[in-house]
N, C-alpha and C. Protein backbone atom coordinates (compact mmCIF):
# COMPACT_ATOMS: atom_id res chain seq x y z
N MET A 1 11.95 87.71 80.49
CA MET A 1 13.06 88.22 79.70
C MET A 1 13.02 89.74 79.70
N SER A 2 14.19 90.37 79.80
CA SER A 2 14.23 91.82 79.87
C SER A 2 14.10 92.44 78.48
N ASP A 3 13.61 93.64 78.45
CA ASP A 3 13.41 94.39 77.22
C ASP A 3 14.69 95.16 76.90
N PRO A 4 15.39 94.84 75.80
CA PRO A 4 16.65 95.52 75.49
C PRO A 4 16.50 97.02 75.22
N SER A 5 15.28 97.47 74.92
CA SER A 5 15.07 98.90 74.69
C SER A 5 14.94 99.67 76.01
N ARG A 6 14.88 98.93 77.13
CA ARG A 6 14.77 99.52 78.46
C ARG A 6 15.80 98.86 79.37
N PRO A 7 17.09 99.17 79.15
CA PRO A 7 18.16 98.44 79.82
C PRO A 7 18.40 98.80 81.30
N LEU A 8 17.90 99.93 81.73
CA LEU A 8 18.12 100.37 83.11
C LEU A 8 17.00 99.85 84.00
N LYS A 9 17.35 99.31 85.16
CA LYS A 9 16.34 98.74 86.04
C LYS A 9 16.55 99.23 87.48
N ILE A 10 15.43 99.56 88.12
CA ILE A 10 15.41 99.83 89.56
C ILE A 10 14.82 98.58 90.21
N LYS A 11 15.50 98.10 91.23
CA LYS A 11 14.95 96.99 92.02
C LYS A 11 14.64 97.55 93.41
N ASN A 12 13.39 97.37 93.80
CA ASN A 12 12.93 97.93 95.06
C ASN A 12 11.95 96.96 95.71
N PHE A 13 12.49 95.89 96.30
CA PHE A 13 11.68 94.93 97.06
C PHE A 13 10.48 94.41 96.26
N GLY A 14 10.75 93.95 95.04
CA GLY A 14 9.70 93.38 94.21
C GLY A 14 8.94 94.37 93.36
N LYS A 15 9.19 95.65 93.55
CA LYS A 15 8.53 96.68 92.75
C LYS A 15 9.53 97.18 91.70
N ASP A 16 9.95 96.28 90.81
CA ASP A 16 10.96 96.60 89.81
C ASP A 16 10.38 97.47 88.70
N ARG A 17 11.22 98.36 88.18
CA ARG A 17 10.84 99.21 87.05
C ARG A 17 12.00 99.28 86.09
N THR A 18 11.70 99.43 84.81
CA THR A 18 12.74 99.57 83.80
C THR A 18 12.62 100.92 83.11
N PHE A 19 13.76 101.36 82.56
CA PHE A 19 13.83 102.68 81.94
C PHE A 19 14.65 102.62 80.66
N SER A 20 14.32 103.46 79.72
CA SER A 20 15.03 103.48 78.45
C SER A 20 16.14 104.53 78.41
N SER A 21 16.16 105.46 79.36
CA SER A 21 17.17 106.52 79.33
C SER A 21 17.64 106.90 80.73
N ILE A 22 18.83 107.46 80.78
CA ILE A 22 19.38 107.95 82.05
C ILE A 22 18.53 109.09 82.59
N SER A 23 18.09 109.99 81.72
CA SER A 23 17.29 111.13 82.19
C SER A 23 15.97 110.68 82.81
N GLU A 24 15.33 109.67 82.21
CA GLU A 24 14.09 109.13 82.76
C GLU A 24 14.35 108.49 84.13
N LEU A 25 15.42 107.71 84.24
CA LEU A 25 15.79 107.08 85.50
C LEU A 25 16.02 108.13 86.59
N LYS A 26 16.81 109.14 86.27
CA LYS A 26 17.14 110.19 87.24
C LYS A 26 15.88 110.93 87.71
N GLU A 27 15.01 111.27 86.78
CA GLU A 27 13.79 112.00 87.11
C GLU A 27 12.88 111.19 88.03
N VAL A 28 12.69 109.92 87.71
CA VAL A 28 11.83 109.06 88.53
C VAL A 28 12.42 108.86 89.92
N LEU A 29 13.72 108.61 89.99
CA LEU A 29 14.36 108.45 91.30
C LEU A 29 14.16 109.68 92.16
N SER A 30 14.44 110.85 91.59
CA SER A 30 14.37 112.10 92.35
C SER A 30 12.96 112.46 92.80
N SER A 31 11.97 112.06 92.02
CA SER A 31 10.61 112.47 92.35
C SER A 31 9.78 111.40 93.07
N GLU A 32 10.01 110.11 92.75
CA GLU A 32 9.14 109.07 93.28
C GLU A 32 9.78 108.17 94.34
N TYR A 33 11.06 108.31 94.57
CA TYR A 33 11.74 107.40 95.50
C TYR A 33 12.43 108.14 96.65
N ARG A 34 11.91 109.28 97.01
CA ARG A 34 12.51 110.03 98.13
C ARG A 34 12.44 109.22 99.42
N ASN A 35 13.51 109.32 100.19
CA ASN A 35 13.64 108.62 101.47
C ASN A 35 13.60 107.09 101.32
N GLU A 36 14.12 106.60 100.18
CA GLU A 36 14.16 105.16 99.96
C GLU A 36 15.56 104.72 99.57
N HIS A 37 15.83 103.44 99.74
CA HIS A 37 17.10 102.81 99.38
C HIS A 37 16.79 101.74 98.34
N ILE A 38 17.43 101.82 97.18
CA ILE A 38 17.14 100.91 96.09
C ILE A 38 18.43 100.54 95.36
N SER A 39 18.31 99.65 94.39
CA SER A 39 19.47 99.33 93.55
C SER A 39 19.15 99.66 92.10
N ILE A 40 20.18 100.07 91.39
CA ILE A 40 20.10 100.32 89.95
C ILE A 40 20.95 99.24 89.29
N ILE A 41 20.37 98.57 88.30
CA ILE A 41 21.08 97.51 87.59
C ILE A 41 21.07 97.83 86.11
N TYR A 42 22.24 97.68 85.47
CA TYR A 42 22.32 97.96 84.04
C TYR A 42 23.46 97.17 83.41
N PRO A 43 23.33 96.81 82.11
CA PRO A 43 24.40 96.09 81.42
C PRO A 43 25.52 97.05 81.04
N THR A 44 26.76 96.60 81.20
CA THR A 44 27.91 97.46 80.93
C THR A 44 28.66 97.03 79.67
N LYS A 45 29.36 97.99 79.10
CA LYS A 45 30.24 97.73 77.96
C LYS A 45 31.45 96.97 78.46
N PRO A 46 32.15 96.20 77.72
CA PRO A 46 31.87 95.80 76.34
C PRO A 46 31.10 94.50 76.25
N ASN A 47 30.85 93.82 77.38
CA ASN A 47 30.33 92.46 77.30
C ASN A 47 28.91 92.28 77.83
N GLY A 48 28.30 93.31 78.36
CA GLY A 48 26.93 93.22 78.84
C GLY A 48 26.74 92.71 80.25
N LEU A 49 27.85 92.53 81.00
CA LEU A 49 27.71 92.11 82.39
C LEU A 49 26.97 93.19 83.18
N ASN A 50 26.10 92.76 84.07
CA ASN A 50 25.31 93.73 84.84
C ASN A 50 26.14 94.38 85.95
N ALA A 51 25.99 95.69 86.06
CA ALA A 51 26.55 96.45 87.18
C ALA A 51 25.40 96.74 88.13
N VAL A 52 25.71 96.76 89.41
CA VAL A 52 24.70 97.08 90.44
C VAL A 52 25.23 98.23 91.27
N ILE A 53 24.39 99.25 91.43
CA ILE A 53 24.73 100.40 92.27
C ILE A 53 23.63 100.51 93.33
N TYR A 54 24.03 100.52 94.58
CA TYR A 54 23.08 100.69 95.68
C TYR A 54 23.00 102.17 96.00
N VAL A 55 21.79 102.72 95.93
CA VAL A 55 21.63 104.16 96.12
C VAL A 55 20.58 104.46 97.18
N SER A 56 20.71 105.65 97.73
CA SER A 56 19.73 106.20 98.67
C SER A 56 19.29 107.55 98.12
N VAL A 57 17.99 107.80 98.15
CA VAL A 57 17.46 109.08 97.68
C VAL A 57 17.01 109.84 98.93
N ASP A 58 17.57 111.04 99.12
CA ASP A 58 17.22 111.78 100.33
C ASP A 58 15.90 112.53 100.16
N GLU A 59 15.51 113.25 101.19
CA GLU A 59 14.22 113.96 101.17
C GLU A 59 14.14 115.08 100.15
N PHE A 60 15.31 115.49 99.62
CA PHE A 60 15.35 116.54 98.61
C PHE A 60 15.44 115.98 97.19
N GLY A 61 15.48 114.63 97.07
CA GLY A 61 15.56 114.00 95.76
C GLY A 61 16.97 113.82 95.24
N ILE A 62 17.97 114.03 96.11
CA ILE A 62 19.36 113.83 95.70
C ILE A 62 19.70 112.36 95.85
N VAL A 63 20.27 111.79 94.78
CA VAL A 63 20.58 110.36 94.74
C VAL A 63 22.05 110.18 95.11
N ARG A 64 22.31 109.39 96.15
CA ARG A 64 23.67 109.18 96.65
C ARG A 64 23.97 107.68 96.78
N GLU A 65 25.26 107.36 96.82
CA GLU A 65 25.68 106.00 97.11
C GLU A 65 25.17 105.62 98.49
N THR A 66 24.68 104.41 98.64
CA THR A 66 24.22 103.96 99.95
C THR A 66 25.42 103.63 100.84
N TYR A 67 26.46 103.06 100.23
CA TYR A 67 27.63 102.63 101.00
C TYR A 67 28.84 103.45 100.58
N GLY A 68 29.90 103.36 101.36
CA GLY A 68 31.15 104.05 101.02
C GLY A 68 31.09 105.52 101.36
N LYS A 69 31.53 106.35 100.42
CA LYS A 69 31.63 107.79 100.65
C LYS A 69 30.28 108.51 100.60
N LYS A 70 29.25 107.79 100.17
CA LYS A 70 27.91 108.37 100.06
C LYS A 70 27.89 109.59 99.13
N ALA A 71 28.72 109.50 98.09
CA ALA A 71 28.80 110.58 97.11
C ALA A 71 27.54 110.63 96.25
N GLU A 72 27.26 111.80 95.71
CA GLU A 72 26.15 111.94 94.79
C GLU A 72 26.44 111.10 93.54
N ILE A 73 25.43 110.44 93.03
CA ILE A 73 25.60 109.57 91.86
C ILE A 73 25.85 110.41 90.62
N ASP A 74 26.88 110.00 89.85
CA ASP A 74 27.21 110.65 88.59
C ASP A 74 26.51 109.87 87.47
N PHE A 75 25.35 110.35 87.06
CA PHE A 75 24.57 109.65 86.06
C PHE A 75 25.26 109.63 84.69
N SER A 76 26.12 110.61 84.42
CA SER A 76 26.85 110.59 83.15
C SER A 76 27.83 109.43 83.10
N GLN A 77 28.35 109.03 84.25
CA GLN A 77 29.24 107.87 84.29
C GLN A 77 28.48 106.59 84.00
N ILE A 78 27.26 106.49 84.51
CA ILE A 78 26.43 105.33 84.19
C ILE A 78 26.16 105.31 82.68
N GLY A 79 25.82 106.44 82.13
CA GLY A 79 25.56 106.53 80.69
C GLY A 79 26.76 106.15 79.84
N ALA A 80 27.96 106.52 80.30
CA ALA A 80 29.17 106.22 79.53
C ALA A 80 29.48 104.72 79.52
N SER A 81 29.11 104.02 80.59
CA SER A 81 29.43 102.59 80.66
C SER A 81 28.25 101.70 80.26
N LEU A 82 27.09 102.29 79.99
CA LEU A 82 25.89 101.54 79.64
C LEU A 82 26.01 100.91 78.26
N MET A 83 25.76 99.61 78.18
CA MET A 83 25.77 98.91 76.90
C MET A 83 24.39 99.02 76.29
N GLN A 84 24.32 99.58 75.07
CA GLN A 84 23.02 99.71 74.40
C GLN A 84 23.08 99.13 73.02
């Protein structure tokens, strides 16, 4: 069962981690997941359905969409839609 105080999750081939804040998630991604492709999963407002974002972290620690336009991830948008 997931811990509601840590709603943000990184899934990385069985090495899953959970986070309690957007800032913690962003910091760990930028520093510990360089040159990796992972998914971020979090419950969204208003009903708690999980959203999944596939991201790639480059060698400089910049987190971008893995697919599509490969835009830099807007963590404030994740925070705005996060159900807590």
